[in-house]
Amino acid sequence: MELSMPPPQIYVEKTLAIIKPDIVDKEEEIQDIILRSGFTIVQ
């Protein structure tokens, strides 16, 4: 299924990251690694 879009065409990918409850105390460290890897956290 191909959608017809006028130029410029922008393709967006989403990645879901789930932090397990037993590691939630390292949430800030995980977020820092994600951001340094070039991802954007939206929620």
N, C-alpha and C. Protein backbone atom coordinates (compact mmCIF):
# COMPACT_ATOMS: atom_id res chain seq x y z
N MET A 1 0.84 -1.18 0.00
CA MET A 1 0.00 0.00 0.00
C MET A 1 0.89 1.25 0.00
N GLU A 2 0.81 2.03 -1.02
CA GLU A 2 1.63 3.23 -1.14
C GLU A 2 0.73 4.45 -1.09
N LEU A 3 1.06 5.38 -0.20
CA LEU A 3 0.29 6.61 -0.10
C LEU A 3 0.90 7.66 -1.01
N SER A 4 0.05 8.40 -1.68
CA SER A 4 0.53 9.44 -2.58
C SER A 4 0.61 10.75 -1.82
N MET A 5 1.83 11.28 -1.70
CA MET A 5 2.05 12.53 -0.98
C MET A 5 2.76 13.51 -1.91
N PRO A 6 2.41 14.79 -1.82
CA PRO A 6 3.14 15.78 -2.61
C PRO A 6 4.55 15.96 -2.04
N PRO A 7 5.52 16.32 -2.88
CA PRO A 7 6.89 16.54 -2.41
C PRO A 7 6.94 17.69 -1.41
N PRO A 8 7.80 17.73 -0.45
CA PRO A 8 8.75 16.66 -0.13
C PRO A 8 8.07 15.57 0.67
N GLN A 9 8.47 14.35 0.43
CA GLN A 9 7.94 13.22 1.18
C GLN A 9 8.83 12.98 2.39
N ILE A 10 8.23 12.89 3.55
CA ILE A 10 8.97 12.67 4.78
C ILE A 10 8.51 11.34 5.38
N TYR A 11 9.46 10.46 5.59
CA TYR A 11 9.15 9.16 6.18
C TYR A 11 9.59 9.18 7.64
N VAL A 12 8.70 8.77 8.51
CA VAL A 12 8.97 8.78 9.94
C VAL A 12 8.90 7.37 10.48
N GLU A 13 9.88 7.00 11.28
CA GLU A 13 9.87 5.70 11.94
C GLU A 13 9.69 5.93 13.43
N LYS A 14 9.02 5.00 14.09
CA LYS A 14 8.83 5.08 15.53
C LYS A 14 9.40 3.83 16.17
N THR A 15 10.01 4.00 17.33
CA THR A 15 10.55 2.89 18.09
C THR A 15 9.96 2.95 19.49
N LEU A 16 9.47 1.84 19.97
CA LEU A 16 8.90 1.77 21.32
C LEU A 16 9.95 1.23 22.27
N ALA A 17 10.21 1.95 23.35
CA ALA A 17 11.14 1.48 24.39
C ALA A 17 10.35 1.33 25.68
N ILE A 18 10.49 0.19 26.30
CA ILE A 18 9.80 -0.08 27.56
C ILE A 18 10.86 -0.33 28.63
N ILE A 19 10.75 0.39 29.74
CA ILE A 19 11.68 0.20 30.86
C ILE A 19 11.02 -0.73 31.87
N LYS A 20 11.69 -1.82 32.18
CA LYS A 20 11.16 -2.79 33.14
C LYS A 20 11.11 -2.16 34.54
N PRO A 21 10.13 -2.56 35.34
CA PRO A 21 9.99 -1.98 36.69
C PRO A 21 11.23 -2.15 37.57
N ASP A 22 11.98 -3.25 37.41
CA ASP A 22 13.14 -3.47 38.28
C ASP A 22 14.34 -2.60 37.91
N ILE A 23 14.28 -1.86 36.83
CA ILE A 23 15.40 -1.02 36.40
C ILE A 23 14.99 0.46 36.36
N VAL A 24 13.81 0.78 36.86
CA VAL A 24 13.27 2.14 36.77
C VAL A 24 14.15 3.15 37.53
N ASP A 25 14.97 2.68 38.48
CA ASP A 25 15.85 3.60 39.20
C ASP A 25 16.98 4.14 38.33
N LYS A 26 17.18 3.56 37.15
CA LYS A 26 18.19 4.04 36.20
C LYS A 26 17.55 4.74 35.01
N GLU A 27 16.33 5.24 35.20
CA GLU A 27 15.57 5.86 34.12
C GLU A 27 16.33 7.02 33.46
N GLU A 28 16.93 7.89 34.27
CA GLU A 28 17.64 9.04 33.71
C GLU A 28 18.84 8.60 32.88
N GLU A 29 19.56 7.59 33.34
CA GLU A 29 20.71 7.09 32.59
C GLU A 29 20.27 6.51 31.24
N ILE A 30 19.16 5.77 31.25
CA ILE A 30 18.63 5.18 30.02
C ILE A 30 18.18 6.28 29.05
N GLN A 31 17.49 7.30 29.56
CA GLN A 31 17.06 8.41 28.71
C GLN A 31 18.27 9.12 28.10
N ASP A 32 19.32 9.30 28.88
CA ASP A 32 20.54 9.94 28.38
C ASP A 32 21.15 9.14 27.24
N ILE A 33 21.21 7.83 27.39
CA ILE A 33 21.76 6.97 26.34
C ILE A 33 20.91 7.06 25.07
N ILE A 34 19.59 7.05 25.24
CA ILE A 34 18.68 7.15 24.10
C ILE A 34 18.89 8.46 23.35
N LEU A 35 18.96 9.57 24.08
CA LEU A 35 19.13 10.88 23.46
C LEU A 35 20.49 11.01 22.79
N ARG A 36 21.56 10.49 23.41
CA ARG A 36 22.89 10.54 22.81
C ARG A 36 22.99 9.67 21.57
N SER A 37 22.08 8.71 21.44
CA SER A 37 22.08 7.82 20.26
C SER A 37 21.32 8.43 19.09
N GLY A 38 20.79 9.65 19.27
CA GLY A 38 20.14 10.34 18.17
C GLY A 38 18.63 10.20 18.11
N PHE A 39 18.05 9.58 19.13
CA PHE A 39 16.60 9.43 19.16
C PHE A 39 15.98 10.62 19.87
N THR A 40 14.68 10.81 19.66
CA THR A 40 13.92 11.84 20.35
C THR A 40 12.87 11.16 21.20
N ILE A 41 12.75 11.59 22.45
CA ILE A 41 11.74 11.02 23.34
C ILE A 41 10.51 11.93 23.27
N VAL A 42 9.37 11.35 22.90
CA VAL A 42 8.17 12.17 22.71
C VAL A 42 7.16 12.02 23.84
N GLN A 43 7.33 11.04 24.69
CA GLN A 43 6.37 10.89 25.78
C GLN A 43 7.05 10.34 26.99
